N, C-alpha and C. Protein backbone atom coordinates (compact mmCIF):
# COMPACT_ATOMS: atom_id res chain seq x y z
N MET A 1 -42.82 -18.44 -1.86
CA MET A 1 -44.29 -18.20 -1.70
C MET A 1 -44.80 -19.21 -2.57
N LYS A 2 -45.90 -19.73 -2.13
CA LYS A 2 -46.78 -20.81 -2.70
C LYS A 2 -48.16 -20.26 -2.92
N PHE A 3 -48.66 -20.69 -4.26
CA PHE A 3 -49.86 -20.22 -4.74
C PHE A 3 -50.89 -21.53 -5.01
N ARG A 4 -52.06 -21.46 -4.72
CA ARG A 4 -53.13 -22.53 -5.00
C ARG A 4 -53.52 -22.32 -6.54
N LEU A 5 -53.51 -23.68 -7.02
CA LEU A 5 -53.83 -23.67 -8.54
C LEU A 5 -55.15 -24.60 -8.67
N LEU A 6 -56.15 -24.26 -9.10
CA LEU A 6 -57.27 -25.20 -9.22
C LEU A 6 -57.31 -25.47 -10.78
N VAL A 7 -57.18 -26.76 -10.77
CA VAL A 7 -57.06 -27.60 -12.35
C VAL A 7 -58.38 -28.28 -12.46
N GLU A 8 -58.95 -28.10 -13.49
CA GLU A 8 -60.03 -29.01 -13.71
C GLU A 8 -60.42 -29.34 -15.21
N PHE A 9 -61.06 -30.36 -15.56
CA PHE A 9 -61.40 -30.55 -17.06
C PHE A 9 -62.83 -30.06 -17.27
N ASP A 10 -63.02 -29.55 -18.48
CA ASP A 10 -64.10 -29.07 -18.98
C ASP A 10 -64.57 -29.82 -20.21
N PRO A 11 -65.43 -30.59 -19.87
CA PRO A 11 -66.04 -31.56 -20.90
C PRO A 11 -66.72 -30.73 -22.09
N GLU A 12 -67.15 -29.76 -21.83
CA GLU A 12 -67.81 -28.83 -22.92
C GLU A 12 -66.62 -28.75 -24.23
N CYS A 13 -65.48 -28.15 -23.80
CA CYS A 13 -64.54 -27.84 -24.76
C CYS A 13 -63.42 -28.77 -24.67
N GLN A 14 -63.57 -30.01 -23.87
CA GLN A 14 -62.47 -30.91 -23.87
C GLN A 14 -61.11 -30.49 -23.70
N ARG A 15 -61.05 -29.43 -22.78
CA ARG A 15 -59.64 -28.86 -22.12
C ARG A 15 -59.72 -28.86 -20.88
N TRP A 16 -58.28 -28.73 -20.38
CA TRP A 16 -58.14 -28.46 -18.98
C TRP A 16 -57.93 -27.12 -18.68
N SER A 17 -58.40 -26.42 -17.47
CA SER A 17 -58.49 -25.11 -17.01
C SER A 17 -57.78 -25.13 -15.73
N ALA A 18 -56.89 -23.97 -15.71
CA ALA A 18 -56.04 -23.74 -14.62
C ALA A 18 -56.19 -22.46 -14.11
N VAL A 19 -56.64 -22.16 -12.84
CA VAL A 19 -57.02 -20.86 -12.35
C VAL A 19 -56.27 -20.60 -10.93
N PHE A 20 -55.80 -19.63 -10.82
CA PHE A 20 -55.25 -19.19 -9.39
C PHE A 20 -56.20 -18.34 -8.57
N PRO A 21 -56.95 -19.04 -7.83
CA PRO A 21 -58.13 -18.36 -7.16
C PRO A 21 -57.85 -16.92 -6.44
N GLU A 22 -56.58 -16.97 -5.95
CA GLU A 22 -56.20 -15.67 -5.30
C GLU A 22 -55.73 -14.32 -6.20
N LEU A 23 -55.41 -14.55 -7.35
CA LEU A 23 -55.12 -13.68 -8.51
C LEU A 23 -56.08 -13.56 -9.43
N PRO A 24 -57.03 -12.63 -9.30
CA PRO A 24 -58.13 -12.56 -10.59
C PRO A 24 -57.53 -12.53 -11.76
N GLY A 25 -57.89 -13.03 -12.69
CA GLY A 25 -57.52 -13.00 -13.96
C GLY A 25 -56.19 -13.71 -14.32
N CYS A 26 -55.46 -14.23 -13.41
CA CYS A 26 -54.30 -15.10 -13.71
C CYS A 26 -54.71 -16.56 -13.98
N ALA A 27 -54.80 -16.94 -15.22
CA ALA A 27 -55.42 -18.41 -15.49
C ALA A 27 -54.87 -18.82 -16.94
N SER A 28 -55.08 -19.95 -17.08
CA SER A 28 -54.55 -20.71 -18.33
C SER A 28 -55.47 -21.75 -18.66
N ALA A 29 -55.00 -22.54 -19.60
CA ALA A 29 -55.71 -23.77 -20.09
C ALA A 29 -54.52 -24.63 -20.89
N GLY A 30 -55.03 -25.81 -21.16
CA GLY A 30 -54.20 -26.79 -21.99
C GLY A 30 -54.90 -27.95 -22.38
N ASP A 31 -54.48 -28.69 -23.25
CA ASP A 31 -54.97 -29.78 -23.93
C ASP A 31 -55.03 -31.06 -22.85
N THR A 32 -53.98 -31.11 -22.05
CA THR A 32 -53.76 -31.95 -21.21
C THR A 32 -53.57 -31.40 -19.64
N GLU A 33 -53.86 -32.19 -18.57
CA GLU A 33 -53.57 -31.42 -17.30
C GLU A 33 -52.22 -31.03 -17.08
N ALA A 34 -51.28 -31.74 -17.56
CA ALA A 34 -49.82 -31.45 -17.28
C ALA A 34 -49.66 -29.98 -18.14
N GLU A 35 -50.11 -29.81 -19.39
CA GLU A 35 -49.96 -28.49 -20.22
C GLU A 35 -50.57 -27.60 -19.46
N ALA A 36 -51.89 -27.85 -18.96
CA ALA A 36 -52.49 -26.58 -18.15
C ALA A 36 -51.82 -26.06 -16.92
N VAL A 37 -51.15 -27.10 -16.42
CA VAL A 37 -50.35 -26.81 -15.18
C VAL A 37 -48.97 -25.87 -15.51
N GLN A 38 -48.35 -26.45 -16.67
CA GLN A 38 -47.24 -25.66 -17.28
C GLN A 38 -47.48 -24.39 -17.86
N ASN A 39 -48.76 -24.24 -18.42
CA ASN A 39 -48.93 -22.82 -18.91
C ASN A 39 -49.55 -22.00 -17.91
N ALA A 40 -50.08 -22.44 -16.70
CA ALA A 40 -50.38 -21.75 -15.45
C ALA A 40 -48.95 -21.12 -14.96
N HIS A 41 -48.20 -21.95 -15.00
CA HIS A 41 -46.56 -21.43 -14.20
C HIS A 41 -46.00 -20.26 -15.14
N GLU A 42 -46.35 -20.45 -16.44
CA GLU A 42 -45.86 -19.16 -17.27
C GLU A 42 -46.77 -18.00 -17.02
N ALA A 43 -47.97 -18.14 -16.75
CA ALA A 43 -49.00 -17.24 -16.60
C ALA A 43 -48.61 -16.42 -15.20
N LEU A 44 -48.16 -17.27 -14.13
CA LEU A 44 -47.95 -16.76 -12.89
C LEU A 44 -46.75 -15.89 -13.03
N GLU A 45 -45.68 -16.34 -13.70
CA GLU A 45 -44.46 -15.43 -13.96
C GLU A 45 -44.70 -14.17 -14.63
N LEU A 46 -45.60 -14.29 -15.73
CA LEU A 46 -45.97 -13.22 -16.29
C LEU A 46 -47.01 -12.05 -15.48
N TRP A 47 -47.58 -12.65 -14.40
CA TRP A 47 -48.44 -11.92 -13.64
C TRP A 47 -47.70 -10.94 -12.71
N PHE A 48 -46.28 -11.40 -12.29
CA PHE A 48 -45.71 -10.80 -11.43
C PHE A 48 -44.60 -9.97 -11.97
N GLU A 49 -44.49 -9.93 -13.33
CA GLU A 49 -43.41 -9.31 -14.08
C GLU A 49 -43.76 -7.74 -13.97
N PRO A 50 -42.74 -7.04 -13.50
CA PRO A 50 -43.04 -5.54 -13.24
C PRO A 50 -43.33 -4.96 -14.63
N SER A 51 -44.18 -4.06 -14.40
CA SER A 51 -44.52 -3.08 -15.69
C SER A 51 -44.19 -1.66 -15.59
N LEU A 52 -44.18 -1.01 -16.57
CA LEU A 52 -43.41 0.40 -16.59
C LEU A 52 -44.61 1.21 -15.94
N LEU A 53 -43.86 2.13 -14.97
CA LEU A 53 -44.88 2.96 -13.92
C LEU A 53 -44.22 4.28 -13.94
N GLU A 54 -45.11 5.11 -14.09
CA GLU A 54 -44.72 6.65 -13.93
C GLU A 54 -45.18 7.11 -12.49
N VAL A 55 -44.01 7.53 -11.86
CA VAL A 55 -44.18 7.79 -10.37
C VAL A 55 -44.22 9.53 -10.46
N LYS A 56 -45.15 10.07 -9.82
CA LYS A 56 -45.46 11.36 -9.54
C LYS A 56 -44.46 12.12 -8.83
N SER A 57 -44.04 13.22 -8.86
CA SER A 57 -43.16 13.95 -8.11
C SER A 57 -43.55 13.86 -6.68
N GLY A 58 -42.70 13.37 -5.72
CA GLY A 58 -43.05 13.34 -4.40
C GLY A 58 -43.55 12.03 -3.78
N ALA A 59 -43.85 11.03 -4.73
CA ALA A 59 -44.38 9.91 -4.43
C ALA A 59 -42.92 8.81 -4.66
N LYS A 60 -43.35 7.67 -3.78
CA LYS A 60 -42.07 6.50 -3.49
C LYS A 60 -42.61 5.41 -4.16
N LEU A 61 -41.87 4.75 -4.71
CA LEU A 61 -42.07 3.39 -5.12
C LEU A 61 -41.25 2.30 -4.39
N ILE A 62 -41.94 1.56 -3.53
CA ILE A 62 -41.20 0.72 -2.54
C ILE A 62 -41.46 -0.91 -2.93
N GLU A 63 -40.52 -1.53 -2.74
CA GLU A 63 -40.73 -3.08 -3.00
C GLU A 63 -40.76 -3.77 -1.82
N LEU A 64 -41.81 -4.69 -1.73
CA LEU A 64 -41.87 -5.31 -0.78
C LEU A 64 -41.94 -7.08 -1.03
N SER A 65 -41.33 -7.75 -0.10
CA SER A 65 -41.34 -9.19 -0.43
C SER A 65 -42.11 -10.00 0.93
N LEU A 66 -42.56 -11.29 0.50
CA LEU A 66 -43.08 -11.93 1.56
C LEU A 66 -42.29 -13.16 1.64
N PRO A 67 -42.26 -13.68 3.03
CA PRO A 67 -41.34 -14.78 3.42
C PRO A 67 -41.70 -16.04 2.48
């Protein structure tokens, strides 16, 4: 699966930002464009890392995947 990454230079703070438009809150930054992209890759991995979840009695936890 591929994700779009918006990378742009912020002249005010002199850093590069990297934002995944379809994943609110999944973003990163870096001193260089390459560093911002690398940091964004790590943020993406962490975004999809499973978290502990308490499932109520009678509920089902199902995993789905996209092609």
